[in-house]
Every structure is written in structure tokens, then in C-alpha cells.
């Protein structure tokens, strides 16, 4: 089990870096984010706004 610890930076930056970290290890992943948190992600990620 890996523990990822971020120091400094704001919350949105930490969330974006965490999502990008897991993107390196899985072809697909699902992350539920608040709209303001999702804005911190690159446009390379597919955003589903509702199901």
C-alpha cells in the first residue's frame, strides 16, 4: 500500500496531482469530484457531468 503525502499548494492542486498520479497506473478510473475541484484537472480528462 502506498501513501501519498502532498505538502504545500492548495487543495485543488493536490486533487489534480493525485488524479494525474493514478492515471499513470490505470487505463480507466472514476473520480467523483465537486464541480470546482474538477476544474483543476486538465482538459485531457473526460468529464461526465451527470448520468
PDB file of N, CA and C in Angstrom:
ATOM      1  N   UNK A   1       0.850  -1.182   0.000  1.00  0.00           N
ATOM      2  CA  UNK A   1       0.000   0.000   0.000  1.00  0.00           C
ATOM      3  C   UNK A   1       0.887   1.233   0.000  1.00  0.00           C
ATOM      4  N   UNK A   2       0.520   2.189  -0.842  1.00  0.00           N
ATOM      5  CA  UNK A   2       1.290   3.420  -0.936  1.00  0.00           C
ATOM      6  C   UNK A   2       0.525   4.548  -0.267  1.00  0.00           C
ATOM      7  N   UNK A   3       1.250   5.381   0.402  1.00  0.00           N
ATOM      8  CA  UNK A   3       0.656   6.571   0.999  1.00  0.00           C
ATOM      9  C   UNK A   3       1.232   7.767   0.258  1.00  0.00           C
ATOM     10  N   UNK A   4       0.367   8.608  -0.252  1.00  0.00           N
ATOM     11  CA  UNK A   4       0.801   9.793  -0.985  1.00  0.00           C
ATOM     12  C   UNK A   4       0.588  10.993  -0.084  1.00  0.00           C
ATOM     13  N   UNK A   5       1.655  11.710   0.158  1.00  0.00           N
ATOM     14  CA  UNK A   5       1.590  12.885   1.013  1.00  0.00           C
ATOM     15  C   UNK A   5       2.007  14.097   0.192  1.00  0.00           C
ATOM     16  N   UNK A   6       1.159  15.096   0.177  1.00  0.00           N
ATOM     17  CA  UNK A   6       1.473  16.335  -0.512  1.00  0.00           C
ATOM     18  C   UNK A   6       1.735  17.404   0.531  1.00  0.00           C
ATOM     19  N   UNK A   7       2.729  18.203   0.285  1.00  0.00           N
ATOM     20  CA  UNK A   7       2.969  19.337   1.170  1.00  0.00           C
ATOM     21  C   UNK A   7       2.858  20.615   0.369  1.00  0.00           C
ATOM     22  N   UNK A   8       2.286  21.620   0.956  1.00  0.00           N
ATOM     23  CA  UNK A   8       2.132  22.899   0.280  1.00  0.00           C
ATOM     24  C   UNK A   8       1.073  22.837  -0.803  1.00  0.00           C
ATOM     25  N   UNK A   9       0.886  23.949  -1.489  1.00  0.00           N
ATOM     26  CA  UNK A   9      -0.100  24.004  -2.562  1.00  0.00           C
ATOM     27  C   UNK A   9      -1.506  24.042  -2.009  1.00  0.00           C
ATOM     28  N   UNK A  10      -2.425  24.366  -2.866  1.00  0.00           N
ATOM     29  CA  UNK A  10      -3.810  24.411  -2.424  1.00  0.00           C
ATOM     30  C   UNK A  10      -4.499  23.073  -2.671  1.00  0.00           C
ATOM     31  N   UNK A  11      -5.700  22.962  -2.193  1.00  0.00           N
ATOM     32  CA  UNK A  11      -6.455  21.705  -2.258  1.00  0.00           C
ATOM     33  C   UNK A  11      -6.700  21.268  -3.695  1.00  0.00           C
ATOM     34  N   UNK A  12      -7.043  22.187  -4.568  1.00  0.00           N
ATOM     35  CA  UNK A  12      -7.338  21.829  -5.960  1.00  0.00           C
ATOM     36  C   UNK A  12      -6.114  21.279  -6.658  1.00  0.00           C
ATOM     37  N   UNK A  13      -4.967  21.863  -6.396  1.00  0.00           N
ATOM     38  CA  UNK A  13      -3.728  21.383  -6.995  1.00  0.00           C
ATOM     39  C   UNK A  13      -3.408  19.975  -6.500  1.00  0.00           C
ATOM     40  N   UNK A  14      -3.615  19.718  -5.229  1.00  0.00           N
ATOM     41  CA  UNK A  14      -3.349  18.381  -4.666  1.00  0.00           C
ATOM     42  C   UNK A  14      -4.282  17.345  -5.272  1.00  0.00           C
ATOM     43  N   UNK A  15      -5.558  17.687  -5.443  1.00  0.00           N
ATOM     44  CA  UNK A  15      -6.514  16.754  -6.037  1.00  0.00           C
ATOM     45  C   UNK A  15      -6.127  16.454  -7.477  1.00  0.00           C
ATOM     46  N   UNK A  16      -5.789  17.479  -8.236  1.00  0.00           N
ATOM     47  CA  UNK A  16      -5.403  17.288  -9.641  1.00  0.00           C
ATOM     48  C   UNK A  16      -4.164  16.412  -9.749  1.00  0.00           C
ATOM     49  N   UNK A  17      -3.175  16.632  -8.887  1.00  0.00           N
ATOM     50  CA  UNK A  17      -1.952  15.815  -8.933  1.00  0.00           C
ATOM     51  C   UNK A  17      -2.235  14.374  -8.554  1.00  0.00           C
ATOM     52  N   UNK A  18      -3.151  14.157  -7.625  1.00  0.00           N
ATOM     53  CA  UNK A  18      -3.491  12.795  -7.223  1.00  0.00           C
ATOM     54  C   UNK A  18      -4.177  12.051  -8.372  1.00  0.00           C
ATOM     55  N   UNK A  19      -5.112  12.705  -9.050  1.00  0.00           N
ATOM     56  CA  UNK A  19      -5.790  12.085 -10.188  1.00  0.00           C
ATOM     57  C   UNK A  19      -4.786  11.782 -11.294  1.00  0.00           C
ATOM     58  N   UNK A  20      -3.898  12.727 -11.585  1.00  0.00           N
ATOM     59  CA  UNK A  20      -2.884  12.510 -12.618  1.00  0.00           C
ATOM     60  C   UNK A  20      -1.934  11.376 -12.232  1.00  0.00           C
ATOM     61  N   UNK A  21      -1.628  11.234 -10.957  1.00  0.00           N
ATOM     62  CA  UNK A  21      -0.765  10.144 -10.493  1.00  0.00           C
ATOM     63  C   UNK A  21      -1.399   8.792 -10.813  1.00  0.00           C
ATOM     64  N   UNK A  22      -2.668   8.613 -10.480  1.00  0.00           N
ATOM     65  CA  UNK A  22      -3.331   7.338 -10.732  1.00  0.00           C
ATOM     66  C   UNK A  22      -3.542   7.094 -12.219  1.00  0.00           C
ATOM     67  N   UNK A  23      -3.637   8.139 -13.012  1.00  0.00           N
ATOM     68  CA  UNK A  23      -3.809   7.986 -14.458  1.00  0.00           C
ATOM     69  C   UNK A  23      -2.599   7.282 -15.070  1.00  0.00           C
ATOM     70  N   UNK A  24      -1.454   7.383 -14.446  1.00  0.00           N
ATOM     71  CA  UNK A  24      -0.250   6.706 -14.942  1.00  0.00           C
ATOM     72  C   UNK A  24      -0.306   5.194 -14.715  1.00  0.00           C
ATOM     73  N   UNK A  25      -1.180   4.726 -13.832  1.00  0.00           N
ATOM     74  CA  UNK A  25      -1.193   3.319 -13.451  1.00  0.00           C
ATOM     75  C   UNK A  25      -2.446   2.557 -13.874  1.00  0.00           C
ATOM     76  N   UNK A  26      -3.410   3.254 -14.436  1.00  0.00           N
ATOM     77  CA  UNK A  26      -4.649   2.580 -14.850  1.00  0.00           C
ATOM     78  C   UNK A  26      -5.148   3.200 -16.152  1.00  0.00           C
ATOM     79  N   UNK A  27      -5.696   2.360 -17.015  1.00  0.00           N
ATOM     80  CA  UNK A  27      -6.241   2.875 -18.263  1.00  0.00           C
ATOM     81  C   UNK A  27      -7.521   3.674 -18.029  1.00  0.00           C
ATOM     82  N   UNK A  28      -8.323   3.243 -17.063  1.00  0.00           N
ATOM     83  CA  UNK A  28      -9.568   3.924 -16.745  1.00  0.00           C
ATOM     84  C   UNK A  28      -9.681   4.057 -15.242  1.00  0.00           C
ATOM     85  N   UNK A  29     -10.211   5.158 -14.804  1.00  0.00           N
ATOM     86  CA  UNK A  29     -10.543   5.318 -13.391  1.00  0.00           C
ATOM     87  C   UNK A  29     -11.684   6.314 -13.264  1.00  0.00           C
ATOM     88  N   UNK A  30     -12.422   6.183 -12.194  1.00  0.00           N
ATOM     89  CA  UNK A  30     -13.584   7.035 -11.949  1.00  0.00           C
ATOM     90  C   UNK A  30     -13.317   7.827 -10.684  1.00  0.00           C
ATOM     91  N   UNK A  31     -13.514   9.128 -10.789  1.00  0.00           N
ATOM     92  CA  UNK A  31     -13.299  10.005  -9.649  1.00  0.00           C
ATOM     93  C   UNK A  31     -14.518  10.907  -9.523  1.00  0.00           C
ATOM     94  N   UNK A  32     -15.125  10.933  -8.360  1.00  0.00           N
ATOM     95  CA  UNK A  32     -16.257  11.824  -8.114  1.00  0.00           C
ATOM     96  C   UNK A  32     -15.722  13.096  -7.463  1.00  0.00           C
ATOM     97  N   UNK A  33     -15.912  14.208  -8.150  1.00  0.00           N
ATOM     98  CA  UNK A  33     -15.389  15.484  -7.668  1.00  0.00           C
ATOM     99  C   UNK A  33     -16.490  16.537  -7.647  1.00  0.00           C
ATOM    100  N   UNK A  34     -16.331  17.493  -6.788  1.00  0.00           N
ATOM    101  CA  UNK A  34     -17.186  18.670  -6.832  1.00  0.00           C
ATOM    102  C   UNK A  34     -16.837  19.446  -8.100  1.00  0.00           C
ATOM    103  N   UNK A  35     -17.784  20.172  -8.678  1.00  0.00           N
ATOM    104  CA  UNK A  35     -17.504  20.903  -9.919  1.00  0.00           C
ATOM    105  C   UNK A  35     -16.272  21.798  -9.826  1.00  0.00           C
ATOM    106  N   UNK A  36     -16.088  22.494  -8.720  1.00  0.00           N
ATOM    107  CA  UNK A  36     -14.929  23.379  -8.578  1.00  0.00           C
ATOM    108  C   UNK A  36     -13.615  22.594  -8.499  1.00  0.00           C
ATOM    109  N   UNK A  37     -13.672  21.376  -7.970  1.00  0.00           N
ATOM    110  CA  UNK A  37     -12.475  20.530  -7.924  1.00  0.00           C
ATOM    111  C   UNK A  37     -12.148  19.982  -9.309  1.00  0.00           C
ATOM    112  N   UNK A  38     -13.176  19.636 -10.083  1.00  0.00           N
ATOM    113  CA  UNK A  38     -12.974  19.094 -11.425  1.00  0.00           C
ATOM    114  C   UNK A  38     -12.346  20.128 -12.358  1.00  0.00           C
ATOM    115  N   UNK A  39     -12.563  21.398 -12.105  1.00  0.00           N
ATOM    116  CA  UNK A  39     -11.989  22.444 -12.939  1.00  0.00           C
ATOM    117  C   UNK A  39     -10.470  22.459 -12.881  1.00  0.00           C
ATOM    118  N   UNK A  40      -9.894  21.900 -11.828  1.00  0.00           N
ATOM    119  CA  UNK A  40      -8.440  21.891 -11.678  1.00  0.00           C
ATOM    120  C   UNK A  40      -7.774  20.854 -12.577  1.00  0.00           C
ATOM    121  N   UNK A  41      -8.558  19.919 -13.134  1.00  0.00           N
ATOM    122  CA  UNK A  41      -7.993  18.877 -13.992  1.00  0.00           C
ATOM    123  C   UNK A  41      -7.764  19.397 -15.401  1.00  0.00           C
ATOM    124  N   UNK A  42      -6.777  18.823 -16.060  1.00  0.00           N
ATOM    125  CA  UNK A  42      -6.509  19.164 -17.456  1.00  0.00           C
ATOM    126  C   UNK A  42      -7.699  18.783 -18.330  1.00  0.00           C
ATOM    127  N   UNK A  43      -7.798  19.419 -19.478  1.00  0.00           N
ATOM    128  CA  UNK A  43      -8.875  19.094 -20.417  1.00  0.00           C
ATOM    129  C   UNK A  43      -8.662  17.747 -21.092  1.00  0.00           C
ATOM    130  N   UNK A  44      -7.513  17.113 -20.867  1.00  0.00           N
ATOM    131  CA  UNK A  44      -7.246  15.788 -21.437  1.00  0.00           C
ATOM    132  C   UNK A  44      -8.142  14.714 -20.820  1.00  0.00           C
ATOM    133  N   UNK A  45      -8.675  14.984 -19.635  1.00  0.00           N
ATOM    134  CA  UNK A  45      -9.546  14.031 -18.965  1.00  0.00           C
ATOM    135  C   UNK A  45     -10.974  14.211 -19.440  1.00  0.00           C
ATOM    136  N   UNK A  46     -11.700  13.100 -19.580  1.00  0.00           N
ATOM    137  CA  UNK A  46     -13.109  13.141 -19.952  1.00  0.00           C
ATOM    138  C   UNK A  46     -13.930  13.443 -18.713  1.00  0.00           C
ATOM    139  N   UNK A  47     -14.801  14.418 -18.817  1.00  0.00           N
ATOM    140  CA  UNK A  47     -15.650  14.813 -17.694  1.00  0.00           C
ATOM    141  C   UNK A  47     -17.077  14.365 -17.986  1.00  0.00           C
ATOM    142  N   UNK A  48     -17.666  13.631 -17.065  1.00  0.00           N
ATOM    143  CA  UNK A  48     -19.076  13.259 -17.145  1.00  0.00           C
ATOM    144  C   UNK A  48     -19.790  14.139 -16.133  1.00  0.00           C
ATOM    145  N   UNK A  49     -20.718  14.942 -16.617  1.00  0.00           N
ATOM    146  CA  UNK A  49     -21.368  15.896 -15.716  1.00  0.00           C
ATOM    147  C   UNK A  49     -22.601  15.347 -15.026  1.00  0.00           C
ATOM    148  N   UNK A  50     -23.266  14.365 -15.646  1.00  0.00           N
ATOM    149  CA  UNK A  50     -24.403  13.699 -14.984  1.00  0.00           C
ATOM    150  C   UNK A  50     -24.681  12.375 -15.698  1.00  0.00           C
ATOM    151  N   UNK A  51     -25.343  11.503 -14.963  1.00  0.00           N
ATOM    152  CA  UNK A  51     -25.636  10.164 -15.502  1.00  0.00           C
ATOM    153  C   UNK A  51     -27.134  10.009 -15.642  1.00  0.00           C
TER     154      UNK A  51
END
